Amino acid sequence: MRESQTAVLERGLELTGECATEPFETPWAAEARWFVQFLEPGRGTVSLRTQISADGLTWVDHENAPVNGEAAGILTAPVRDFGHWLRLVVTPAEGTVAPLVRIVLSLKE
């Protein structure tokens, strides 16, 4: 049986500027997917960028292209071939009205 895990990393975060989630250790997982849910509709666009780390201290962007979308509903970003640690950087475009967001990371073997 394959193992899986879901972690809520942010709840009710007011997205006033670029933010990064807390690091999450993921050495056992083979694939992951970020879910960014906008709890209140915002106005404008955001960019989701996955970062990876070998030690949870030093970060580099994953090779996947950033996911861009409207600040409403749910955006997702899949990621594979990562190291031991993951985090998500969410960047609102200039002029975006700060929405409240929830960020969830789903992992599986």
Protein backbone atom coordinates (compact mmCIF):
# COMPACT_ATOMS: atom_id res chain seq x y z
CA MET A 1 0.00 0.00 0.00
CA ARG A 2 1.35 3.42 -0.94
CA GLU A 3 1.71 6.02 1.78
CA SER A 4 0.46 9.57 1.61
CA GLN A 5 0.37 12.67 3.78
CA THR A 6 -1.42 16.00 3.66
CA ALA A 7 -0.17 19.01 5.61
CA VAL A 8 -1.81 22.40 6.04
CA LEU A 9 1.13 24.81 6.10
CA GLU A 10 -0.73 28.14 6.14
CA ARG A 11 -4.25 29.05 7.29
CA GLY A 12 -5.76 32.49 6.80
CA LEU A 13 -2.51 34.02 5.59
CA GLU A 14 -3.02 37.57 4.33
CA LEU A 15 -0.97 37.73 1.17
CA THR A 16 0.37 41.29 1.35
CA GLY A 17 3.69 40.50 -0.35
CA GLU A 18 5.93 37.60 -1.30
CA CYS A 19 5.86 34.85 1.30
CA ALA A 20 7.41 31.41 1.72
CA THR A 21 5.90 28.53 3.66
CA GLU A 22 7.74 26.87 6.49
CA PRO A 23 10.07 24.13 5.22
CA PHE A 24 8.58 20.64 5.09
CA GLU A 25 10.76 17.51 5.20
CA THR A 26 9.82 15.10 2.41
CA PRO A 27 12.59 12.51 1.83
CA TRP A 28 10.20 9.53 1.59
CA ALA A 29 7.86 11.11 -0.98
CA ALA A 30 8.13 10.70 -4.76
CA GLU A 31 5.56 13.28 -5.75
CA ALA A 32 3.90 16.32 -4.27
CA ARG A 33 1.22 18.83 -5.12
CA TRP A 34 0.67 22.29 -3.66
CA PHE A 35 -2.86 23.61 -3.21
CA VAL A 36 -3.32 27.34 -2.68
CA GLN A 37 -6.93 28.15 -1.82
CA PHE A 38 -8.08 31.75 -1.81
CA LEU A 39 -10.49 32.01 1.14
CA GLU A 40 -11.68 35.43 0.06
CA PRO A 41 -11.56 36.53 -3.53
CA GLY A 42 -8.65 38.81 -4.24
CA ARG A 43 -8.01 40.86 -7.33
CA GLY A 44 -4.95 40.39 -9.48
CA THR A 45 -2.61 37.48 -10.06
CA VAL A 46 -0.15 35.42 -8.08
CA SER A 47 2.84 33.24 -8.93
CA LEU A 48 3.61 29.91 -7.20
CA ARG A 49 7.23 28.78 -7.16
CA THR A 50 8.47 25.56 -5.52
CA GLN A 51 11.84 25.67 -3.83
CA ILE A 52 13.95 22.68 -2.78
CA SER A 53 16.73 22.19 -0.25
CA ALA A 54 19.12 19.48 0.88
CA ASP A 55 19.26 20.78 4.46
CA GLY A 56 16.14 22.92 5.00
CA LEU A 57 18.31 26.02 5.35
CA THR A 58 19.57 26.87 1.87
CA TRP A 59 17.00 27.12 -0.92
CA VAL A 60 16.99 27.01 -4.70
CA ASP A 61 14.11 27.16 -7.18
CA HIS A 62 12.89 23.80 -8.50
CA GLU A 63 13.26 23.30 -12.26
CA ASN A 64 9.47 23.48 -12.81
CA ALA A 65 8.17 26.70 -14.30
CA PRO A 66 6.20 28.85 -11.84
CA VAL A 67 2.40 28.49 -11.88
CA ASN A 68 0.63 31.79 -12.48
CA GLY A 69 -3.05 32.47 -12.03
CA GLU A 70 -5.84 34.68 -10.77
CA ALA A 71 -6.10 35.23 -7.01
CA ALA A 72 -9.41 33.36 -6.75
CA GLY A 73 -10.53 29.77 -6.31
CA ILE A 74 -7.71 27.21 -6.02
CA LEU A 75 -4.36 27.03 -7.79
CA THR A 76 -2.29 23.86 -7.76
CA ALA A 77 1.33 23.14 -8.59
CA PRO A 78 2.68 19.60 -9.01
CA VAL A 79 6.32 18.75 -8.27
CA ARG A 80 8.47 15.63 -8.77
CA ASP A 81 12.17 14.84 -8.45
CA PHE A 82 12.79 16.93 -5.38
CA GLY A 83 15.22 16.53 -2.50
CA HIS A 84 14.61 16.25 1.21
CA TRP A 85 12.89 19.58 1.83
CA LEU A 86 10.18 21.58 0.07
CA ARG A 87 8.67 25.00 0.48
CA LEU A 88 6.40 27.17 -1.65
CA VAL A 89 6.99 30.82 -2.48
CA VAL A 90 3.84 32.78 -3.34
CA THR A 91 4.32 36.13 -5.03
CA PRO A 92 1.40 38.48 -5.72
CA ALA A 93 1.74 40.67 -8.80
CA GLU A 94 2.00 44.39 -8.25
CA GLY A 95 -1.45 45.86 -7.61
CA THR A 96 -2.94 42.58 -6.39
CA VAL A 97 -5.50 43.05 -3.60
CA ALA A 98 -4.30 40.95 -0.66
CA PRO A 99 -6.40 37.80 -0.47
CA LEU A 100 -6.54 35.37 2.46
CA VAL A 101 -5.03 32.03 1.52
CA ARG A 102 -4.69 28.49 2.81
CA ILE A 103 -1.70 26.47 1.58
CA VAL A 104 -1.78 22.67 1.65
CA LEU A 105 0.94 20.21 0.63
CA SER A 106 -0.10 16.69 -0.43
CA LEU A 107 2.59 14.01 -0.69
CA LYS A 108 2.68 10.38 -1.75
CA GLU A 109 5.25 7.65 -2.27
